[in-house]
C-alpha cells in the first residue's frame, strides 16, 4: 500500500513539473490527504492570491519557484524559490503572488 499514492514512486521528479503555472489561475494537486497530514502542490499566477484563512494544524509553505508574499497575522514575509516558512496552527494567513509561484504545502494536524 502506498501512503503517497498520487505521485510516482522510485522516480526522480521535479515538483514544478507536477503542477502547471497557468496565467490568472490558482491550481492545486493533492498528494496526501489524511486526518493528521496533507501534502498539496499549488501554483498561483502573478497577482493572484489565496485570501485570508486559517488551518487546523501547522502549515509549512515551501516555495518551489517564483516570489510569494505570505502574510501571517498581519506580518508580511517575502519568500523566493528554495525558501520555506511555517504558519502556526490557527494563525490567520494569506498568500499573494508577486511573481507567479509554485509551492508544496505540508499541513501537520494533531493526531
C-alpha atoms as a PDB file:
ATOM      1  CA  UNK A   1       0.000   0.000   0.000  1.00  0.00           C
ATOM      2  CA  UNK A   2       1.352   3.424  -0.997  1.00  0.00           C
ATOM      3  CA  UNK A   3       0.928   6.216   1.512  1.00  0.00           C
ATOM      4  CA  UNK A   4       1.832   8.871  -1.054  1.00  0.00           C
ATOM      5  CA  UNK A   5      -0.348   7.416  -3.782  1.00  0.00           C
ATOM      6  CA  UNK A   6      -0.891  10.333  -6.139  1.00  0.00           C
ATOM      7  CA  UNK A   7       2.665  10.652  -7.476  1.00  0.00           C
ATOM      8  CA  UNK A   8       5.225   8.256  -8.944  1.00  0.00           C
ATOM      9  CA  UNK A   9       7.431   6.273  -6.566  1.00  0.00           C
ATOM     10  CA  UNK A  10      11.144   5.464  -7.006  1.00  0.00           C
ATOM     11  CA  UNK A  11      11.435   8.061  -9.767  1.00  0.00           C
ATOM     12  CA  UNK A  12      13.289  11.373  -9.681  1.00  0.00           C
ATOM     13  CA  UNK A  13      10.702  14.142 -10.042  1.00  0.00           C
ATOM     14  CA  UNK A  14      10.744  17.890 -10.406  1.00  0.00           C
ATOM     15  CA  UNK A  15       7.801  19.055  -8.346  1.00  0.00           C
ATOM     16  CA  UNK A  16       7.492  22.170 -10.527  1.00  0.00           C
ATOM     17  CA  UNK A  17       6.634  19.870 -13.432  1.00  0.00           C
ATOM     18  CA  UNK A  18       3.822  18.246 -11.424  1.00  0.00           C
ATOM     19  CA  UNK A  19       1.654  21.390 -11.207  1.00  0.00           C
ATOM     20  CA  UNK A  20       1.131  23.821 -14.097  1.00  0.00           C
ATOM     21  CA  UNK A  21       1.602  27.555 -13.563  1.00  0.00           C
ATOM     22  CA  UNK A  22      -1.302  28.897 -15.623  1.00  0.00           C
ATOM     23  CA  UNK A  23      -1.983  32.563 -16.271  1.00  0.00           C
ATOM     24  CA  UNK A  24      -4.635  34.131 -14.000  1.00  0.00           C
ATOM     25  CA  UNK A  25      -5.263  30.899 -12.088  1.00  0.00           C
ATOM     26  CA  UNK A  26      -4.673  29.130  -8.813  1.00  0.00           C
ATOM     27  CA  UNK A  27      -4.093  25.387  -9.284  1.00  0.00           C
ATOM     28  CA  UNK A  28      -3.709  22.633  -6.717  1.00  0.00           C
ATOM     29  CA  UNK A  29      -2.817  18.960  -6.726  1.00  0.00           C
ATOM     30  CA  UNK A  30      -3.255  16.868  -3.592  1.00  0.00           C
ATOM     31  CA  UNK A  31      -0.501  14.344  -2.958  1.00  0.00           C
ATOM     32  CA  UNK A  32      -1.608  13.149   0.506  1.00  0.00           C
ATOM     33  CA  UNK A  33      -4.843  13.776   2.402  1.00  0.00           C
ATOM     34  CA  UNK A  34      -5.164  12.177   5.840  1.00  0.00           C
ATOM     35  CA  UNK A  35      -6.728  13.311   9.103  1.00  0.00           C
ATOM     36  CA  UNK A  36      -3.302  14.231  10.515  1.00  0.00           C
ATOM     37  CA  UNK A  37      -1.355  15.197   7.363  1.00  0.00           C
ATOM     38  CA  UNK A  38      -1.874  16.791   3.988  1.00  0.00           C
ATOM     39  CA  UNK A  39       0.611  17.493   1.203  1.00  0.00           C
ATOM     40  CA  UNK A  40      -0.549  19.666  -1.672  1.00  0.00           C
ATOM     41  CA  UNK A  41       1.164  21.292  -4.631  1.00  0.00           C
ATOM     42  CA  UNK A  42      -0.105  24.758  -5.556  1.00  0.00           C
ATOM     43  CA  UNK A  43       0.609  27.170  -8.363  1.00  0.00           C
ATOM     44  CA  UNK A  44      -0.546  30.752  -8.114  1.00  0.00           C
ATOM     45  CA  UNK A  45      -0.306  33.103 -11.110  1.00  0.00           C
ATOM     46  CA  UNK A  46       1.111  36.616 -10.826  1.00  0.00           C
ATOM     47  CA  UNK A  47      -1.241  38.979  -8.937  1.00  0.00           C
ATOM     48  CA  UNK A  48      -3.480  36.099  -7.805  1.00  0.00           C
ATOM     49  CA  UNK A  49      -3.952  35.223  -4.143  1.00  0.00           C
ATOM     50  CA  UNK A  50      -5.337  32.803  -1.644  1.00  0.00           C
ATOM     51  CA  UNK A  51      -7.273  35.039   0.724  1.00  0.00           C
ATOM     52  CA  UNK A  52      -7.195  35.090   4.497  1.00  0.00           C
ATOM     53  CA  UNK A  53      -7.911  31.801   6.250  1.00  0.00           C
ATOM     54  CA  UNK A  54      -6.518  29.560   8.996  1.00  0.00           C
ATOM     55  CA  UNK A  55      -5.558  25.890   9.234  1.00  0.00           C
ATOM     56  CA  UNK A  56      -6.210  23.280  11.909  1.00  0.00           C
ATOM     57  CA  UNK A  57      -2.528  22.365  12.007  1.00  0.00           C
ATOM     58  CA  UNK A  58       0.944  23.803  11.460  1.00  0.00           C
ATOM     59  CA  UNK A  59       1.352  24.606   7.753  1.00  0.00           C
ATOM     60  CA  UNK A  60       4.781  24.550   6.120  1.00  0.00           C
ATOM     61  CA  UNK A  61       4.946  26.529   2.879  1.00  0.00           C
ATOM     62  CA  UNK A  62       7.860  25.510   0.625  1.00  0.00           C
ATOM     63  CA  UNK A  63       8.358  27.837  -2.355  1.00  0.00           C
ATOM     64  CA  UNK A  64       9.490  25.935  -5.443  1.00  0.00           C
ATOM     65  CA  UNK A  65       9.554  28.808  -7.955  1.00  0.00           C
ATOM     66  CA  UNK A  66       8.644  32.497  -8.199  1.00  0.00           C
ATOM     67  CA  UNK A  67       8.043  35.067  -5.468  1.00  0.00           C
ATOM     68  CA  UNK A  68       5.319  34.866  -2.812  1.00  0.00           C
ATOM     69  CA  UNK A  69       4.159  37.177  -0.066  1.00  0.00           C
ATOM     70  CA  UNK A  70       2.900  35.150   2.875  1.00  0.00           C
ATOM     71  CA  UNK A  71       1.036  37.251   5.422  1.00  0.00           C
ATOM     72  CA  UNK A  72       0.743  35.700   8.879  1.00  0.00           C
ATOM     73  CA  UNK A  73      -1.336  37.532  11.478  1.00  0.00           C
ATOM     74  CA  UNK A  74      -0.695  40.823   9.634  1.00  0.00           C
ATOM     75  CA  UNK A  75       3.074  40.380   9.141  1.00  0.00           C
ATOM     76  CA  UNK A  76       4.195  40.091   5.501  1.00  0.00           C
ATOM     77  CA  UNK A  77       7.015  37.684   4.619  1.00  0.00           C
ATOM     78  CA  UNK A  78       8.510  37.660   1.098  1.00  0.00           C
ATOM     79  CA  UNK A  79       9.730  34.227   0.021  1.00  0.00           C
ATOM     80  CA  UNK A  80      11.542  33.081  -3.108  1.00  0.00           C
ATOM     81  CA  UNK A  81      12.373  29.688  -4.590  1.00  0.00           C
ATOM     82  CA  UNK A  82      14.079  27.429  -2.052  1.00  0.00           C
ATOM     83  CA  UNK A  83      12.672  29.248   0.988  1.00  0.00           C
ATOM     84  CA  UNK A  84      10.085  27.950   3.469  1.00  0.00           C
ATOM     85  CA  UNK A  85       8.024  29.251   6.353  1.00  0.00           C
ATOM     86  CA  UNK A  86       5.867  27.534   8.982  1.00  0.00           C
ATOM     87  CA  UNK A  87       2.474  29.047   9.711  1.00  0.00           C
ATOM     88  CA  UNK A  88       1.323  28.192  13.242  1.00  0.00           C
ATOM     89  CA  UNK A  89      -1.912  26.278  13.789  1.00  0.00           C
ATOM     90  CA  UNK A  90      -4.991  28.558  13.734  1.00  0.00           C
ATOM     91  CA  UNK A  91      -2.979  31.649  12.615  1.00  0.00           C
ATOM     92  CA  UNK A  92      -4.825  33.806  10.094  1.00  0.00           C
ATOM     93  CA  UNK A  93      -2.800  33.932   6.869  1.00  0.00           C
ATOM     94  CA  UNK A  94      -2.941  34.633   3.133  1.00  0.00           C
ATOM     95  CA  UNK A  95      -0.680  34.148   0.103  1.00  0.00           C
ATOM     96  CA  UNK A  96      -0.117  36.575  -2.776  1.00  0.00           C
ATOM     97  CA  UNK A  97       1.884  36.008  -5.976  1.00  0.00           C
ATOM     98  CA  UNK A  98       4.273  38.917  -6.535  1.00  0.00           C
ATOM     99  CA  UNK A  99       5.553  36.726  -9.367  1.00  0.00           C
ATOM    100  CA  UNK A 100       3.747  33.518 -10.304  1.00  0.00           C
ATOM    101  CA  UNK A 101       4.909  30.829  -7.894  1.00  0.00           C
ATOM    102  CA  UNK A 102       4.660  27.133  -7.166  1.00  0.00           C
ATOM    103  CA  UNK A 103       4.748  25.667  -3.683  1.00  0.00           C
ATOM    104  CA  UNK A 104       4.494  22.470  -1.726  1.00  0.00           C
ATOM    105  CA  UNK A 105       2.206  22.902   1.264  1.00  0.00           C
ATOM    106  CA  UNK A 106       2.537  20.395   4.124  1.00  0.00           C
ATOM    107  CA  UNK A 107      -0.027  20.644   6.931  1.00  0.00           C
ATOM    108  CA  UNK A 108       0.525  18.593  10.093  1.00  0.00           C
ATOM    109  CA  UNK A 109      -2.516  18.304  12.349  1.00  0.00           C
ATOM    110  CA  UNK A 110      -2.925  16.888  15.855  1.00  0.00           C
ATOM    111  CA  UNK A 111      -3.446  13.120  15.844  1.00  0.00           C
END
